[in-house]
Structure formats: structure tokens, C-alpha cells
Amino acid sequence: MTATKTFSAGQLQACIAGNTCHQVQYDFLRGNTFFQLDTRFSKTVKFGERAKLELIFQAFDLTNRANFGGTYATSIRAANFMQRRVLSRPAE
């Protein structure tokens, strides 16, 4: 994928025109798919006809999977091509 990294714009156009390299479709590098598992369990316990107790267990992001989304460097000339970009945090 990085074979044409050092090509100039003219060399890239000639490569594509001569059908010696291939251009990927727009927005090809979308990143990994998003996956998150949230769950909630509840159980209602009745005490007679009037009183009841509801027990609830709720958990978020059980898989603890990193979801980077589309934060990949997509410029072929970038030193971190196809690697995750580190997004800067806003100043507090």
C-alpha cells in the first residue's frame, strides 16, 4: 500500500493512467467497526398482593473493546499511514 508513497502527483497520475497501480474507492479507510455490549437484567419479587421489590443489575461496555472508529491517517505521504491518529484533548 505504501509503494507509491514517494511518487509525485504526475507519477501517480501516470501510474493510474497506465493501469500499473490501482486507486481505492473514496473513504476506503473507515477504521474498525464499532462494538459495545451494554446489558440490564431485572427481577421483580412480589410480597403478597401489594408490595413488590425490583432487583436490577446494569453493566456498560462489558467487552472493554477499544473503538477507534475513523481515526486513521489516510494520507499516503504521512509517516503514520494506516495507523491510528492520536487525537489531542482540548485544554481544560
PDB file of N, CA and C in Angstrom:
ATOM      1  N   MET A   1       0.809  -1.195   0.000  1.00  0.00           N
ATOM      2  CA  MET A   1       0.000   0.000   0.000  1.00  0.00           C
ATOM      3  C   MET A   1       0.852   1.258   0.000  1.00  0.00           C
ATOM      4  N   THR A   2       2.030   1.213   0.554  1.00  0.00           N
ATOM      5  CA  THR A   2       2.871   2.403   0.611  1.00  0.00           C
ATOM      6  C   THR A   2       3.900   2.422  -0.509  1.00  0.00           C
ATOM      7  N   ALA A   3       3.729   1.625  -1.553  1.00  0.00           N
ATOM      8  CA  ALA A   3       4.700   1.551  -2.649  1.00  0.00           C
ATOM      9  C   ALA A   3       4.773   2.852  -3.426  1.00  0.00           C
ATOM     10  N   THR A   4       3.701   3.620  -3.459  1.00  0.00           N
ATOM     11  CA  THR A   4       3.695   4.876  -4.211  1.00  0.00           C
ATOM     12  C   THR A   4       3.830   6.086  -3.289  1.00  0.00           C
ATOM     13  N   LYS A   5       4.294   5.887  -2.096  1.00  0.00           N
ATOM     14  CA  LYS A   5       4.394   6.969  -1.112  1.00  0.00           C
ATOM     15  C   LYS A   5       5.287   8.108  -1.585  1.00  0.00           C
ATOM     16  N   THR A   6       6.367   7.797  -2.260  1.00  0.00           N
ATOM     17  CA  THR A   6       7.324   8.824  -2.680  1.00  0.00           C
ATOM     18  C   THR A   6       7.038   9.375  -4.068  1.00  0.00           C
ATOM     19  N   PHE A   7       5.974   8.939  -4.730  1.00  0.00           N
ATOM     20  CA  PHE A   7       5.638   9.412  -6.072  1.00  0.00           C
ATOM     21  C   PHE A   7       5.170  10.857  -6.024  1.00  0.00           C
ATOM     22  N   SER A   8       5.466  11.591  -7.071  1.00  0.00           N
ATOM     23  CA  SER A   8       4.917  12.942  -7.230  1.00  0.00           C
ATOM     24  C   SER A   8       3.500  12.805  -7.785  1.00  0.00           C
ATOM     25  N   ALA A   9       2.808  13.919  -7.860  1.00  0.00           N
ATOM     26  CA  ALA A   9       1.431  13.889  -8.385  1.00  0.00           C
ATOM     27  C   ALA A   9       1.422  13.404  -9.837  1.00  0.00           C
ATOM     28  N   GLY A  10       2.393  13.850 -10.632  1.00  0.00           N
ATOM     29  CA  GLY A  10       2.476  13.420 -12.028  1.00  0.00           C
ATOM     30  C   GLY A  10       2.750  11.933 -12.156  1.00  0.00           C
ATOM     31  N   GLN A  11       3.626  11.419 -11.313  1.00  0.00           N
ATOM     32  CA  GLN A  11       3.930   9.985 -11.334  1.00  0.00           C
ATOM     33  C   GLN A  11       2.705   9.161 -10.931  1.00  0.00           C
ATOM     34  N   LEU A  12       1.960   9.641  -9.957  1.00  0.00           N
ATOM     35  CA  LEU A  12       0.744   8.923  -9.545  1.00  0.00           C
ATOM     36  C   LEU A  12      -0.290   8.901 -10.669  1.00  0.00           C
ATOM     37  N   GLN A  13      -0.470  10.041 -11.344  1.00  0.00           N
ATOM     38  CA  GLN A  13      -1.429  10.099 -12.452  1.00  0.00           C
ATOM     39  C   GLN A  13      -1.010   9.179 -13.589  1.00  0.00           C
ATOM     40  N   ALA A  14       0.302   9.145 -13.900  1.00  0.00           N
ATOM     41  CA  ALA A  14       0.798   8.264 -14.958  1.00  0.00           C
ATOM     42  C   ALA A  14       0.622   6.796 -14.563  1.00  0.00           C
ATOM     43  N   CYS A  15       0.822   6.495 -13.313  1.00  0.00           N
ATOM     44  CA  CYS A  15       0.657   5.126 -12.815  1.00  0.00           C
ATOM     45  C   CYS A  15      -0.796   4.668 -12.974  1.00  0.00           C
ATOM     46  N   ILE A  16      -1.721   5.536 -12.600  1.00  0.00           N
ATOM     47  CA  ILE A  16      -3.151   5.200 -12.718  1.00  0.00           C
ATOM     48  C   ILE A  16      -3.560   5.113 -14.185  1.00  0.00           C
ATOM     49  N   ALA A  17      -3.094   6.066 -14.995  1.00  0.00           N
ATOM     50  CA  ALA A  17      -3.437   6.066 -16.428  1.00  0.00           C
ATOM     51  C   ALA A  17      -2.875   4.839 -17.132  1.00  0.00           C
ATOM     52  N   GLY A  18      -1.678   4.393 -16.742  1.00  0.00           N
ATOM     53  CA  GLY A  18      -1.063   3.227 -17.367  1.00  0.00           C
ATOM     54  C   GLY A  18      -1.556   1.908 -16.793  1.00  0.00           C
ATOM     55  N   ASN A  19      -2.459   1.972 -15.836  1.00  0.00           N
ATOM     56  CA  ASN A  19      -3.048   0.790 -15.192  1.00  0.00           C
ATOM     57  C   ASN A  19      -1.983  -0.107 -14.533  1.00  0.00           C
ATOM     58  N   THR A  20      -0.944   0.540 -14.013  1.00  0.00           N
ATOM     59  CA  THR A  20       0.093  -0.218 -13.311  1.00  0.00           C
ATOM     60  C   THR A  20      -0.089  -0.151 -11.797  1.00  0.00           C
ATOM     61  N   CYS A  21      -0.957   0.712 -11.342  1.00  0.00           N
ATOM     62  CA  CYS A  21      -1.341   0.745  -9.923  1.00  0.00           C
ATOM     63  C   CYS A  21      -2.846   0.985  -9.864  1.00  0.00           C
ATOM     64  N   HIS A  22      -3.412   0.789  -8.724  1.00  0.00           N
ATOM     65  CA  HIS A  22      -4.868   0.877  -8.594  1.00  0.00           C
ATOM     66  C   HIS A  22      -5.237   1.882  -7.527  1.00  0.00           C
ATOM     67  N   GLN A  23      -6.294   2.580  -7.803  1.00  0.00           N
ATOM     68  CA  GLN A  23      -6.793   3.575  -6.866  1.00  0.00           C
ATOM     69  C   GLN A  23      -7.961   2.972  -6.097  1.00  0.00           C
ATOM     70  N   VAL A  24      -7.910   3.080  -4.774  1.00  0.00           N
ATOM     71  CA  VAL A  24      -9.007   2.545  -3.969  1.00  0.00           C
ATOM     72  C   VAL A  24     -10.161   3.535  -3.963  1.00  0.00           C
ATOM     73  N   GLN A  25     -11.344   3.049  -3.664  1.00  0.00           N
ATOM     74  CA  GLN A  25     -12.520   3.908  -3.682  1.00  0.00           C
ATOM     75  C   GLN A  25     -12.454   4.953  -2.573  1.00  0.00           C
ATOM     76  N   TYR A  26     -13.282   5.956  -2.711  1.00  0.00           N
ATOM     77  CA  TYR A  26     -13.344   7.055  -1.744  1.00  0.00           C
ATOM     78  C   TYR A  26     -13.727   6.529  -0.361  1.00  0.00           C
ATOM     79  N   ASP A  27     -13.087   7.049   0.661  1.00  0.00           N
ATOM     80  CA  ASP A  27     -13.378   6.718   2.054  1.00  0.00           C
ATOM     81  C   ASP A  27     -13.143   5.235   2.349  1.00  0.00           C
ATOM     82  N   PHE A  28     -12.098   4.696   1.763  1.00  0.00           N
ATOM     83  CA  PHE A  28     -11.778   3.279   1.913  1.00  0.00           C
ATOM     84  C   PHE A  28     -11.357   2.939   3.340  1.00  0.00           C
ATOM     85  N   LEU A  29     -10.631   3.823   3.978  1.00  0.00           N
ATOM     86  CA  LEU A  29     -10.141   3.568   5.331  1.00  0.00           C
ATOM     87  C   LEU A  29     -11.129   4.116   6.358  1.00  0.00           C
ATOM     88  N   ARG A  30     -12.093   3.340   6.696  1.00  0.00           N
ATOM     89  CA  ARG A  30     -13.111   3.781   7.642  1.00  0.00           C
ATOM     90  C   ARG A  30     -12.799   3.378   9.075  1.00  0.00           C
ATOM     91  N   GLY A  31     -11.793   2.587   9.289  1.00  0.00           N
ATOM     92  CA  GLY A  31     -11.482   2.158  10.643  1.00  0.00           C
ATOM     93  C   GLY A  31     -12.224   0.882  10.998  1.00  0.00           C
ATOM     94  N   ASN A  32     -12.045   0.459  12.204  1.00  0.00           N
ATOM     95  CA  ASN A  32     -12.690  -0.764  12.675  1.00  0.00           C
ATOM     96  C   ASN A  32     -14.171  -0.533  12.937  1.00  0.00           C
ATOM     97  N   THR A  33     -14.929  -1.592  12.892  1.00  0.00           N
ATOM     98  CA  THR A  33     -16.340  -1.480  13.211  1.00  0.00           C
ATOM     99  C   THR A  33     -16.514  -1.192  14.694  1.00  0.00           C
ATOM    100  N   PHE A  34     -17.606  -0.544  15.024  1.00  0.00           N
ATOM    101  CA  PHE A  34     -17.892  -0.179  16.411  1.00  0.00           C
ATOM    102  C   PHE A  34     -18.610  -1.332  17.085  1.00  0.00           C
ATOM    103  N   PHE A  35     -18.165  -1.690  18.279  1.00  0.00           N
ATOM    104  CA  PHE A  35     -18.831  -2.747  19.027  1.00  0.00           C
ATOM    105  C   PHE A  35     -18.814  -2.401  20.504  1.00  0.00           C
ATOM    106  N   GLN A  36     -19.976  -2.467  21.121  1.00  0.00           N
ATOM    107  CA  GLN A  36     -20.086  -2.207  22.550  1.00  0.00           C
ATOM    108  C   GLN A  36     -21.239  -3.052  23.081  1.00  0.00           C
ATOM    109  N   LEU A  37     -21.054  -3.650  24.239  1.00  0.00           N
ATOM    110  CA  LEU A  37     -22.082  -4.502  24.818  1.00  0.00           C
ATOM    111  C   LEU A  37     -22.542  -3.915  26.148  1.00  0.00           C
ATOM    112  N   ASP A  38     -23.771  -3.421  26.165  1.00  0.00           N
ATOM    113  CA  ASP A  38     -24.417  -2.947  27.382  1.00  0.00           C
ATOM    114  C   ASP A  38     -25.550  -3.921  27.699  1.00  0.00           C
ATOM    115  N   THR A  39     -25.790  -4.163  28.978  1.00  0.00           N
ATOM    116  CA  THR A  39     -26.846  -5.098  29.332  1.00  0.00           C
ATOM    117  C   THR A  39     -27.529  -4.681  30.629  1.00  0.00           C
ATOM    118  N   ARG A  40     -28.755  -5.142  30.781  1.00  0.00           N
ATOM    119  CA  ARG A  40     -29.517  -4.867  32.004  1.00  0.00           C
ATOM    120  C   ARG A  40     -30.393  -6.076  32.293  1.00  0.00           C
ATOM    121  N   PHE A  41     -30.335  -6.530  33.524  1.00  0.00           N
ATOM    122  CA  PHE A  41     -31.175  -7.630  33.988  1.00  0.00           C
ATOM    123  C   PHE A  41     -31.998  -7.125  35.159  1.00  0.00           C
ATOM    124  N   SER A  42     -33.244  -7.549  35.206  1.00  0.00           N
ATOM    125  CA  SER A  42     -34.079  -7.171  36.350  1.00  0.00           C
ATOM    126  C   SER A  42     -34.958  -8.345  36.744  1.00  0.00           C
ATOM    127  N   LYS A  43     -35.271  -8.377  38.014  1.00  0.00           N
ATOM    128  CA  LYS A  43     -36.123  -9.426  38.564  1.00  0.00           C
ATOM    129  C   LYS A  43     -37.066  -8.770  39.566  1.00  0.00           C
ATOM    130  N   THR A  44     -38.342  -9.024  39.391  1.00  0.00           N
ATOM    131  CA  THR A  44     -39.335  -8.475  40.305  1.00  0.00           C
ATOM    132  C   THR A  44     -39.784  -9.577  41.266  1.00  0.00           C
ATOM    133  N   VAL A  45     -39.710  -9.266  42.545  1.00  0.00           N
ATOM    134  CA  VAL A  45     -40.129 -10.198  43.588  1.00  0.00           C
ATOM    135  C   VAL A  45     -41.360  -9.610  44.263  1.00  0.00           C
ATOM    136  N   LYS A  46     -42.465 -10.368  44.283  1.00  0.00           N
ATOM    137  CA  LYS A  46     -43.713  -9.887  44.890  1.00  0.00           C
ATOM    138  C   LYS A  46     -43.831 -10.395  46.317  1.00  0.00           C
ATOM    139  N   PHE A  47     -44.270  -9.518  47.190  1.00  0.00           N
ATOM    140  CA  PHE A  47     -44.564  -9.860  48.582  1.00  0.00           C
ATOM    141  C   PHE A  47     -46.056  -9.624  48.800  1.00  0.00           C
ATOM    142  N   GLY A  48     -46.820 -10.670  48.664  1.00  0.00           N
ATOM    143  CA  GLY A  48     -48.278 -10.531  48.799  1.00  0.00           C
ATOM    144  C   GLY A  48     -48.859  -9.859  47.572  1.00  0.00           C
ATOM    145  N   GLU A  49     -49.976  -9.163  47.787  1.00  0.00           N
ATOM    146  CA  GLU A  49     -50.657  -8.513  46.663  1.00  0.00           C
ATOM    147  C   GLU A  49     -50.259  -7.057  46.502  1.00  0.00           C
ATOM    148  N   ARG A  50     -49.691  -6.438  47.516  1.00  0.00           N
ATOM    149  CA  ARG A  50     -49.447  -5.003  47.464  1.00  0.00           C
ATOM    150  C   ARG A  50     -47.980  -4.629  47.296  1.00  0.00           C
ATOM    151  N   ALA A  51     -47.088  -5.372  47.857  1.00  0.00           N
ATOM    152  CA  ALA A  51     -45.673  -4.977  47.855  1.00  0.00           C
ATOM    153  C   ALA A  51     -44.872  -5.785  46.849  1.00  0.00           C
ATOM    154  N   LYS A  52     -43.931  -5.110  46.271  1.00  0.00           N
ATOM    155  CA  LYS A  52     -43.016  -5.797  45.371  1.00  0.00           C
ATOM    156  C   LYS A  52     -41.646  -5.105  45.421  1.00  0.00           C
ATOM    157  N   LEU A  53     -40.632  -5.877  45.095  1.00  0.00           N
ATOM    158  CA  LEU A  53     -39.257  -5.398  45.104  1.00  0.00           C
ATOM    159  C   LEU A  53     -38.641  -5.730  43.751  1.00  0.00           C
ATOM    160  N   GLU A  54     -38.000  -4.746  43.113  1.00  0.00           N
ATOM    161  CA  GLU A  54     -37.366  -4.977  41.820  1.00  0.00           C
ATOM    162  C   GLU A  54     -35.850  -4.893  41.988  1.00  0.00           C
ATOM    163  N   LEU A  55     -35.172  -5.985  41.643  1.00  0.00           N
ATOM    164  CA  LEU A  55     -33.720  -6.046  41.698  1.00  0.00           C
ATOM    165  C   LEU A  55     -33.179  -5.802  40.292  1.00  0.00           C
ATOM    166  N   ILE A  56     -32.209  -4.921  40.184  1.00  0.00           N
ATOM    167  CA  ILE A  56     -31.688  -4.532  38.868  1.00  0.00           C
ATOM    168  C   ILE A  56     -30.167  -4.646  38.853  1.00  0.00           C
ATOM    169  N   PHE A  57     -29.648  -5.264  37.783  1.00  0.00           N
ATOM    170  CA  PHE A  57     -28.213  -5.276  37.513  1.00  0.00           C
ATOM    171  C   PHE A  57     -28.020  -4.657  36.135  1.00  0.00           C
ATOM    172  N   GLN A  58     -27.142  -3.660  36.057  1.00  0.00           N
ATOM    173  CA  GLN A  58     -26.906  -2.975  34.794  1.00  0.00           C
ATOM    174  C   GLN A  58     -25.405  -2.819  34.596  1.00  0.00           C
ATOM    175  N   ALA A  59     -24.906  -3.145  33.392  1.00  0.00           N
ATOM    176  CA  ALA A  59     -23.470  -3.043  33.100  1.00  0.00           C
ATOM    177  C   ALA A  59     -23.282  -2.408  31.729  1.00  0.00           C
ATOM    178  N   PHE A  60     -22.226  -1.624  31.612  1.00  0.00           N
ATOM    179  CA  PHE A  60     -21.920  -0.927  30.370  1.00  0.00           C
ATOM    180  C   PHE A  60     -20.554  -1.348  29.857  1.00  0.00           C
ATOM    181  N   ASP A  61     -20.439  -1.474  28.537  1.00  0.00           N
ATOM    182  CA  ASP A  61     -19.187  -1.804  27.846  1.00  0.00           C
ATOM    183  C   ASP A  61     -18.510  -3.041  28.453  1.00  0.00           C
ATOM    184  N   LEU A  62     -19.246  -4.132  28.472  1.00  0.00           N
ATOM    185  CA  LEU A  62     -18.741  -5.369  29.080  1.00  0.00           C
ATOM    186  C   LEU A  62     -17.518  -5.934  28.366  1.00  0.00           C
ATOM    187  N   THR A  63     -17.388  -5.709  27.074  1.00  0.00           N
ATOM    188  CA  THR A  63     -16.269  -6.272  26.327  1.00  0.00           C
ATOM    189  C   THR A  63     -14.994  -5.451  26.476  1.00  0.00           C
ATOM    190  N   ASN A  64     -15.125  -4.201  26.910  1.00  0.00           N
ATOM    191  CA  ASN A  64     -13.982  -3.305  27.088  1.00  0.00           C
ATOM    192  C   ASN A  64     -13.128  -3.231  25.818  1.00  0.00           C
ATOM    193  N   ARG A  65     -13.801  -3.149  24.679  1.00  0.00           N
ATOM    194  CA  ARG A  65     -13.123  -3.106  23.382  1.00  0.00           C
ATOM    195  C   ARG A  65     -12.842  -1.662  22.998  1.00  0.00           C
ATOM    196  N   ALA A  66     -11.646  -1.386  22.516  1.00  0.00           N
ATOM    197  CA  ALA A  66     -11.297  -0.050  22.043  1.00  0.00           C
ATOM    198  C   ALA A  66     -11.957   0.179  20.686  1.00  0.00           C
ATOM    199  N   ASN A  67     -12.730   1.224  20.572  1.00  0.00           N
ATOM    200  CA  ASN A  67     -13.405   1.580  19.325  1.00  0.00           C
ATOM    201  C   ASN A  67     -12.767   2.855  18.783  1.00  0.00           C
ATOM    202  N   PHE A  68     -11.853   2.697  17.830  1.00  0.00           N
ATOM    203  CA  PHE A  68     -11.138   3.847  17.304  1.00  0.00           C
ATOM    204  C   PHE A  68     -11.891   4.547  16.185  1.00  0.00           C
ATOM    205  N   GLY A  69     -12.855   3.871  15.584  1.00  0.00           N
ATOM    206  CA  GLY A  69     -13.634   4.495  14.523  1.00  0.00           C
ATOM    207  C   GLY A  69     -12.793   4.870  13.327  1.00  0.00           C
ATOM    208  N   GLY A  70     -12.965   6.075  12.836  1.00  0.00           N
ATOM    209  CA  GLY A  70     -12.254   6.525  11.648  1.00  0.00           C
ATOM    210  C   GLY A  70     -11.053   7.384  11.952  1.00  0.00           C
ATOM    211  N   THR A  71     -10.375   7.157  13.040  1.00  0.00           N
ATOM    212  CA  THR A  71      -9.239   7.996  13.413  1.00  0.00           C
ATOM    213  C   THR A  71      -7.926   7.426  12.873  1.00  0.00           C
ATOM    214  N   TYR A  72      -7.908   7.119  11.593  1.00  0.00           N
ATOM    215  CA  TYR A  72      -6.703   6.592  10.948  1.00  0.00           C
ATOM    216  C   TYR A  72      -6.134   7.641  10.004  1.00  0.00           C
ATOM    217  N   ALA A  73      -4.815   7.704   9.939  1.00  0.00           N
ATOM    218  CA  ALA A  73      -4.165   8.609   8.995  1.00  0.00           C
ATOM    219  C   ALA A  73      -4.354   8.039   7.596  1.00  0.00           C
ATOM    220  N   THR A  74      -4.959   8.820   6.721  1.00  0.00           N
ATOM    221  CA  THR A  74      -5.300   8.302   5.391  1.00  0.00           C
ATOM    222  C   THR A  74      -4.430   8.877   4.283  1.00  0.00           C
ATOM    223  N   SER A  75      -3.535   9.785   4.606  1.00  0.00           N
ATOM    224  CA  SER A  75      -2.645  10.338   3.590  1.00  0.00           C
ATOM    225  C   SER A  75      -1.482   9.384   3.368  1.00  0.00           C
ATOM    226  N   ILE A  76      -1.264   9.013   2.106  1.00  0.00           N
ATOM    227  CA  ILE A  76      -0.204   8.051   1.792  1.00  0.00           C
ATOM    228  C   ILE A  76       1.175   8.618   2.092  1.00  0.00           C
ATOM    229  N   ARG A  77       1.294   9.923   2.144  1.00  0.00           N
ATOM    230  CA  ARG A  77       2.592  10.554   2.418  1.00  0.00           C
ATOM    231  C   ARG A  77       2.846  10.756   3.913  1.00  0.00           C
ATOM    232  N   ALA A  78       1.859  10.465   4.742  1.00  0.00           N
ATOM    233  CA  ALA A  78       2.027  10.640   6.188  1.00  0.00           C
ATOM    234  C   ALA A  78       2.911   9.531   6.752  1.00  0.00           C
ATOM    235  N   ALA A  79       3.708   9.867   7.731  1.00  0.00           N
ATOM    236  CA  ALA A  79       4.591   8.874   8.354  1.00  0.00           C
ATOM    237  C   ALA A  79       3.788   7.806   9.097  1.00  0.00           C
ATOM    238  N   ASN A  80       2.600   8.166   9.550  1.00  0.00           N
ATOM    239  CA  ASN A  80       1.760   7.222  10.300  1.00  0.00           C
ATOM    240  C   ASN A  80       0.604   6.693   9.444  1.00  0.00           C
ATOM    241  N   PHE A  81       0.835   6.501   8.145  1.00  0.00           N
ATOM    242  CA  PHE A  81      -0.192   5.980   7.239  1.00  0.00           C
ATOM    243  C   PHE A  81      -0.723   4.635   7.725  1.00  0.00           C
ATOM    244  N   MET A  82      -2.038   4.483   7.734  1.00  0.00           N
ATOM    245  CA  MET A  82      -2.746   3.273   8.165  1.00  0.00           C
ATOM    246  C   MET A  82      -2.588   3.005   9.667  1.00  0.00           C
ATOM    247  N   GLN A  83      -2.162   3.975  10.418  1.00  0.00           N
ATOM    248  CA  GLN A  83      -2.055   3.834  11.861  1.00  0.00           C
ATOM    249  C   GLN A  83      -3.053   4.776  12.518  1.00  0.00           C
ATOM    250  N   ARG A  84      -3.408   4.453  13.730  1.00  0.00           N
ATOM    251  CA  ARG A  84      -4.395   5.244  14.459  1.00  0.00           C
ATOM    252  C   ARG A  84      -3.806   6.600  14.812  1.00  0.00           C
ATOM    253  N   ARG A  85      -4.584   7.659  14.559  1.00  0.00           N
ATOM    254  CA  ARG A  85      -4.166   9.008  14.940  1.00  0.00           C
ATOM    255  C   ARG A  85      -4.494   9.229  16.407  1.00  0.00           C
ATOM    256  N   VAL A  86      -3.627   9.903  17.089  1.00  0.00           N
ATOM    257  CA  VAL A  86      -3.896  10.270  18.483  1.00  0.00           C
ATOM    258  C   VAL A  86      -4.537  11.647  18.451  1.00  0.00           C
ATOM    259  N   LEU A  87      -5.761  11.702  18.925  1.00  0.00           N
ATOM    260  CA  LEU A  87      -6.484  12.973  18.923  1.00  0.00           C
ATOM    261  C   LEU A  87      -6.096  13.753  20.172  1.00  0.00           C
ATOM    262  N   SER A  88      -5.817  15.022  19.989  1.00  0.00           N
ATOM    263  CA  SER A  88      -5.438  15.853  21.131  1.00  0.00           C
ATOM    264  C   SER A  88      -6.665  16.221  21.935  1.00  0.00           C
ATOM    265  N   ARG A  89      -6.488  16.335  23.228  1.00  0.00           N
ATOM    266  CA  ARG A  89      -7.579  16.732  24.110  1.00  0.00           C
ATOM    267  C   ARG A  89      -7.646  18.256  24.177  1.00  0.00           C
ATOM    268  N   PRO A  90      -8.838  18.806  24.312  1.00  0.00           N
ATOM    269  CA  PRO A  90      -8.940  20.254  24.453  1.00  0.00           C
ATOM    270  C   PRO A  90      -8.364  20.695  25.795  1.00  0.00           C
ATOM    271  N   ALA A  91      -7.861  21.916  25.818  1.00  0.00           N
ATOM    272  CA  ALA A  91      -7.282  22.436  27.064  1.00  0.00           C
ATOM    273  C   ALA A  91      -8.373  22.582  28.123  1.00  0.00           C
ATOM    274  N   GLU A  92      -8.026  22.247  29.328  1.00  0.00           N
ATOM    275  CA  GLU A  92      -9.010  22.333  30.421  1.00  0.00           C
ATOM    276  C   GLU A  92      -8.959  23.679  31.101  1.00  0.00           C
TER     277      GLU A  92
END
